[in-house]
């Protein structure tokens, strides 16, 4: 099926997204938290207070040249870029939290984390399909123990 390209299609160059990515690299974690909060507030003051930052801190950032207003304006056009940027920045931290479960005192927790890490790297183990006998009407009965690959059907 031929689908029309949309504005958010990654194959279409988006100068706004590129510039936003550049600006985000110049901001601290708290500044990024502020620009995200600013999207749902009508003033810098209320956005700052909503994330427990002094409004004076935001003013100081701007005086010192942090591109806060530019980031807010660009994000209004493409918030997905900010979400992806924050996700990438925090991936290593999330992985450290996840694999710390391997050292848990709880055996079930260690087993679950180990399985998850293995499946991330190697994929899920192939599950066998077991065939049964025939039904009352002579139809063949199939009992599926694992998943079925749609390409094999």
C-alpha atoms as a PDB file:
ATOM      1  CA  UNK A   1       0.000   0.000   0.000  1.00  0.00           C
ATOM      2  CA  UNK A   2       1.431   3.379  -0.975  1.00  0.00           C
ATOM      3  CA  UNK A   3       1.158   5.833   1.897  1.00  0.00           C
ATOM      4  CA  UNK A   4       1.632   9.568   1.520  1.00  0.00           C
ATOM      5  CA  UNK A   5       4.621  11.056   3.307  1.00  0.00           C
ATOM      6  CA  UNK A   6       3.772  13.138   6.357  1.00  0.00           C
ATOM      7  CA  UNK A   7       5.502  16.117   7.882  1.00  0.00           C
ATOM      8  CA  UNK A   8       6.866  13.878  10.652  1.00  0.00           C
ATOM      9  CA  UNK A   9       8.313  11.300   8.238  1.00  0.00           C
ATOM     10  CA  UNK A  10      12.012  10.906   9.100  1.00  0.00           C
ATOM     11  CA  UNK A  11      12.947  10.676   5.411  1.00  0.00           C
ATOM     12  CA  UNK A  12      11.943  14.311   4.848  1.00  0.00           C
ATOM     13  CA  UNK A  13      14.576  16.860   5.939  1.00  0.00           C
ATOM     14  CA  UNK A  14      13.283  19.131   8.696  1.00  0.00           C
ATOM     15  CA  UNK A  15      15.513  22.165   9.364  1.00  0.00           C
ATOM     16  CA  UNK A  16      13.496  23.044  12.481  1.00  0.00           C
ATOM     17  CA  UNK A  17      14.208  19.627  13.985  1.00  0.00           C
ATOM     18  CA  UNK A  18      17.887  19.872  13.091  1.00  0.00           C
ATOM     19  CA  UNK A  19      18.191  23.296  14.729  1.00  0.00           C
ATOM     20  CA  UNK A  20      16.298  22.110  17.816  1.00  0.00           C
ATOM     21  CA  UNK A  21      18.696  19.189  18.163  1.00  0.00           C
ATOM     22  CA  UNK A  22      21.634  21.647  18.011  1.00  0.00           C
ATOM     23  CA  UNK A  23      20.056  23.889  20.653  1.00  0.00           C
ATOM     24  CA  UNK A  24      19.275  20.974  22.970  1.00  0.00           C
ATOM     25  CA  UNK A  25      22.944  19.994  23.032  1.00  0.00           C
ATOM     26  CA  UNK A  26      23.691  23.433  24.526  1.00  0.00           C
ATOM     27  CA  UNK A  27      21.239  23.044  27.436  1.00  0.00           C
ATOM     28  CA  UNK A  28      21.594  21.464  30.850  1.00  0.00           C
ATOM     29  CA  UNK A  29      19.191  18.806  32.146  1.00  0.00           C
ATOM     30  CA  UNK A  30      17.297  21.412  34.218  1.00  0.00           C
ATOM     31  CA  UNK A  31      17.043  23.747  31.235  1.00  0.00           C
ATOM     32  CA  UNK A  32      15.540  20.903  29.181  1.00  0.00           C
ATOM     33  CA  UNK A  33      13.091  20.137  31.980  1.00  0.00           C
ATOM     34  CA  UNK A  34      12.100  23.806  31.905  1.00  0.00           C
ATOM     35  CA  UNK A  35      11.485  23.969  28.149  1.00  0.00           C
ATOM     36  CA  UNK A  36       9.310  20.863  28.365  1.00  0.00           C
ATOM     37  CA  UNK A  37       7.331  22.375  31.260  1.00  0.00           C
ATOM     38  CA  UNK A  38       7.092  25.706  29.426  1.00  0.00           C
ATOM     39  CA  UNK A  39       5.014  24.080  26.688  1.00  0.00           C
ATOM     40  CA  UNK A  40       2.076  23.680  29.082  1.00  0.00           C
ATOM     41  CA  UNK A  41       2.357  27.004  30.951  1.00  0.00           C
ATOM     42  CA  UNK A  42       1.564  30.540  29.920  1.00  0.00           C
ATOM     43  CA  UNK A  43       4.585  32.110  31.617  1.00  0.00           C
ATOM     44  CA  UNK A  44       8.194  31.367  32.466  1.00  0.00           C
ATOM     45  CA  UNK A  45       7.373  31.903  36.138  1.00  0.00           C
ATOM     46  CA  UNK A  46       4.628  29.271  36.307  1.00  0.00           C
ATOM     47  CA  UNK A  47       6.679  26.775  34.288  1.00  0.00           C
ATOM     48  CA  UNK A  48       9.698  27.239  36.556  1.00  0.00           C
ATOM     49  CA  UNK A  49       7.629  26.892  39.708  1.00  0.00           C
ATOM     50  CA  UNK A  50       5.966  23.738  38.367  1.00  0.00           C
ATOM     51  CA  UNK A  51       9.348  21.975  38.303  1.00  0.00           C
ATOM     52  CA  UNK A  52      10.654  23.579  41.520  1.00  0.00           C
ATOM     53  CA  UNK A  53      13.097  25.957  39.848  1.00  0.00           C
ATOM     54  CA  UNK A  54      13.298  29.598  40.847  1.00  0.00           C
ATOM     55  CA  UNK A  55      11.989  31.967  38.153  1.00  0.00           C
ATOM     56  CA  UNK A  56      15.189  33.982  38.768  1.00  0.00           C
ATOM     57  CA  UNK A  57      17.219  30.952  37.697  1.00  0.00           C
ATOM     58  CA  UNK A  58      15.447  30.986  34.335  1.00  0.00           C
ATOM     59  CA  UNK A  59      16.158  34.719  33.985  1.00  0.00           C
ATOM     60  CA  UNK A  60      19.832  34.096  34.792  1.00  0.00           C
ATOM     61  CA  UNK A  61      20.052  31.353  32.165  1.00  0.00           C
ATOM     62  CA  UNK A  62      18.760  33.769  29.560  1.00  0.00           C
ATOM     63  CA  UNK A  63      21.077  36.592  30.659  1.00  0.00           C
ATOM     64  CA  UNK A  64      24.046  34.216  30.416  1.00  0.00           C
ATOM     65  CA  UNK A  65      23.062  33.351  26.843  1.00  0.00           C
ATOM     66  CA  UNK A  66      21.374  29.965  27.123  1.00  0.00           C
ATOM     67  CA  UNK A  67      19.047  29.628  24.098  1.00  0.00           C
ATOM     68  CA  UNK A  68      15.982  28.969  26.273  1.00  0.00           C
ATOM     69  CA  UNK A  69      13.476  31.028  24.278  1.00  0.00           C
ATOM     70  CA  UNK A  70      14.692  29.599  20.977  1.00  0.00           C
ATOM     71  CA  UNK A  71      14.340  26.066  22.354  1.00  0.00           C
ATOM     72  CA  UNK A  72      10.810  26.810  23.585  1.00  0.00           C
ATOM     73  CA  UNK A  73       9.822  28.204  20.186  1.00  0.00           C
ATOM     74  CA  UNK A  74      11.386  25.330  18.251  1.00  0.00           C
ATOM     75  CA  UNK A  75       9.869  22.740  20.546  1.00  0.00           C
ATOM     76  CA  UNK A  76       6.431  24.177  19.905  1.00  0.00           C
ATOM     77  CA  UNK A  77       6.956  23.056  16.296  1.00  0.00           C
ATOM     78  CA  UNK A  78       8.543  19.671  17.000  1.00  0.00           C
ATOM     79  CA  UNK A  79       8.251  18.263  20.519  1.00  0.00           C
ATOM     80  CA  UNK A  80       9.148  14.789  19.282  1.00  0.00           C
ATOM     81  CA  UNK A  81      12.773  15.870  18.839  1.00  0.00           C
ATOM     82  CA  UNK A  82      12.994  16.790  22.529  1.00  0.00           C
ATOM     83  CA  UNK A  83      11.442  13.487  23.590  1.00  0.00           C
ATOM     84  CA  UNK A  84      13.906  11.513  21.463  1.00  0.00           C
ATOM     85  CA  UNK A  85      16.832  13.602  22.696  1.00  0.00           C
ATOM     86  CA  UNK A  86      15.911  13.021  26.355  1.00  0.00           C
ATOM     87  CA  UNK A  87      15.406   9.305  25.685  1.00  0.00           C
ATOM     88  CA  UNK A  88      18.857   8.963  24.098  1.00  0.00           C
ATOM     89  CA  UNK A  89      20.506  10.947  26.900  1.00  0.00           C
ATOM     90  CA  UNK A  90      18.999   8.691  29.558  1.00  0.00           C
ATOM     91  CA  UNK A  91      19.408   5.310  27.884  1.00  0.00           C
ATOM     92  CA  UNK A  92      22.681   4.471  29.672  1.00  0.00           C
ATOM     93  CA  UNK A  93      21.211   5.461  33.039  1.00  0.00           C
ATOM     94  CA  UNK A  94      18.126   3.307  32.401  1.00  0.00           C
ATOM     95  CA  UNK A  95      20.315   0.358  31.407  1.00  0.00           C
ATOM     96  CA  UNK A  96      22.325   0.668  34.638  1.00  0.00           C
ATOM     97  CA  UNK A  97      19.109   0.584  36.655  1.00  0.00           C
ATOM     98  CA  UNK A  98      17.866  -2.423  34.696  1.00  0.00           C
ATOM     99  CA  UNK A  99      21.023  -4.522  34.955  1.00  0.00           C
ATOM    100  CA  UNK A 100      21.356  -3.686  38.671  1.00  0.00           C
ATOM    101  CA  UNK A 101      18.505  -6.186  38.994  1.00  0.00           C
ATOM    102  CA  UNK A 102      21.064  -8.898  38.203  1.00  0.00           C
ATOM    103  CA  UNK A 103      22.528  -8.263  41.677  1.00  0.00           C
ATOM    104  CA  UNK A 104      19.175  -8.381  43.470  1.00  0.00           C
ATOM    105  CA  UNK A 105      18.774 -10.680  46.457  1.00  0.00           C
ATOM    106  CA  UNK A 106      15.476 -11.837  44.918  1.00  0.00           C
ATOM    107  CA  UNK A 107      16.115 -14.881  42.675  1.00  0.00           C
ATOM    108  CA  UNK A 108      12.987 -14.201  40.587  1.00  0.00           C
ATOM    109  CA  UNK A 109      14.148 -10.644  39.935  1.00  0.00           C
ATOM    110  CA  UNK A 110      17.606 -11.853  38.851  1.00  0.00           C
ATOM    111  CA  UNK A 111      16.042 -14.468  36.553  1.00  0.00           C
ATOM    112  CA  UNK A 112      13.641 -11.945  34.975  1.00  0.00           C
ATOM    113  CA  UNK A 113      16.373  -9.377  34.354  1.00  0.00           C
ATOM    114  CA  UNK A 114      18.741 -12.021  32.992  1.00  0.00           C
ATOM    115  CA  UNK A 115      16.072 -13.256  30.582  1.00  0.00           C
ATOM    116  CA  UNK A 116      15.298  -9.717  29.459  1.00  0.00           C
ATOM    117  CA  UNK A 117      18.964  -8.866  28.813  1.00  0.00           C
ATOM    118  CA  UNK A 118      19.522 -12.121  26.927  1.00  0.00           C
ATOM    119  CA  UNK A 119      16.432 -11.517  24.774  1.00  0.00           C
ATOM    120  CA  UNK A 120      17.559  -7.965  23.969  1.00  0.00           C
ATOM    121  CA  UNK A 121      20.832  -9.303  22.640  1.00  0.00           C
ATOM    122  CA  UNK A 122      19.865 -12.662  21.153  1.00  0.00           C
ATOM    123  CA  UNK A 123      16.119 -12.410  20.609  1.00  0.00           C
ATOM    124  CA  UNK A 124      13.485 -14.695  22.061  1.00  0.00           C
ATOM    125  CA  UNK A 125      14.190 -18.401  21.981  1.00  0.00           C
ATOM    126  CA  UNK A 126      12.266 -20.305  19.314  1.00  0.00           C
ATOM    127  CA  UNK A 127       9.300 -22.102  20.846  1.00  0.00           C
ATOM    128  CA  UNK A 128       8.439 -25.550  19.441  1.00  0.00           C
ATOM    129  CA  UNK A 129       5.017 -26.252  17.986  1.00  0.00           C
ATOM    130  CA  UNK A 130       3.574 -29.572  19.145  1.00  0.00           C
ATOM    131  CA  UNK A 131       0.961 -31.331  17.065  1.00  0.00           C
ATOM    132  CA  UNK A 132      -1.861 -33.303  18.651  1.00  0.00           C
ATOM    133  CA  UNK A 133      -4.153 -36.085  17.414  1.00  0.00           C
ATOM    134  CA  UNK A 134      -7.470 -35.856  15.584  1.00  0.00           C
ATOM    135  CA  UNK A 135     -10.726 -34.443  16.843  1.00  0.00           C
ATOM    136  CA  UNK A 136     -14.093 -36.166  17.064  1.00  0.00           C
ATOM    137  CA  UNK A 137     -15.001 -35.181  13.513  1.00  0.00           C
ATOM    138  CA  UNK A 138     -11.652 -36.378  12.171  1.00  0.00           C
ATOM    139  CA  UNK A 139     -10.186 -32.873  11.919  1.00  0.00           C
ATOM    140  CA  UNK A 140      -6.541 -32.546  12.878  1.00  0.00           C
ATOM    141  CA  UNK A 141      -5.998 -30.771  16.211  1.00  0.00           C
ATOM    142  CA  UNK A 142      -3.013 -28.455  16.583  1.00  0.00           C
ATOM    143  CA  UNK A 143      -1.878 -27.300  20.000  1.00  0.00           C
ATOM    144  CA  UNK A 144       0.391 -24.263  19.741  1.00  0.00           C
ATOM    145  CA  UNK A 145       2.941 -24.069  22.526  1.00  0.00           C
ATOM    146  CA  UNK A 146       4.924 -21.134  21.128  1.00  0.00           C
ATOM    147  CA  UNK A 147       4.431 -18.353  18.646  1.00  0.00           C
ATOM    148  CA  UNK A 148       3.797 -18.800  14.937  1.00  0.00           C
ATOM    149  CA  UNK A 149       5.889 -16.933  12.405  1.00  0.00           C
ATOM    150  CA  UNK A 150       3.368 -15.476   9.884  1.00  0.00           C
ATOM    151  CA  UNK A 151       5.908 -15.991   7.062  1.00  0.00           C
ATOM    152  CA  UNK A 152       5.841 -19.770   7.693  1.00  0.00           C
ATOM    153  CA  UNK A 153       2.059 -19.990   7.235  1.00  0.00           C
END
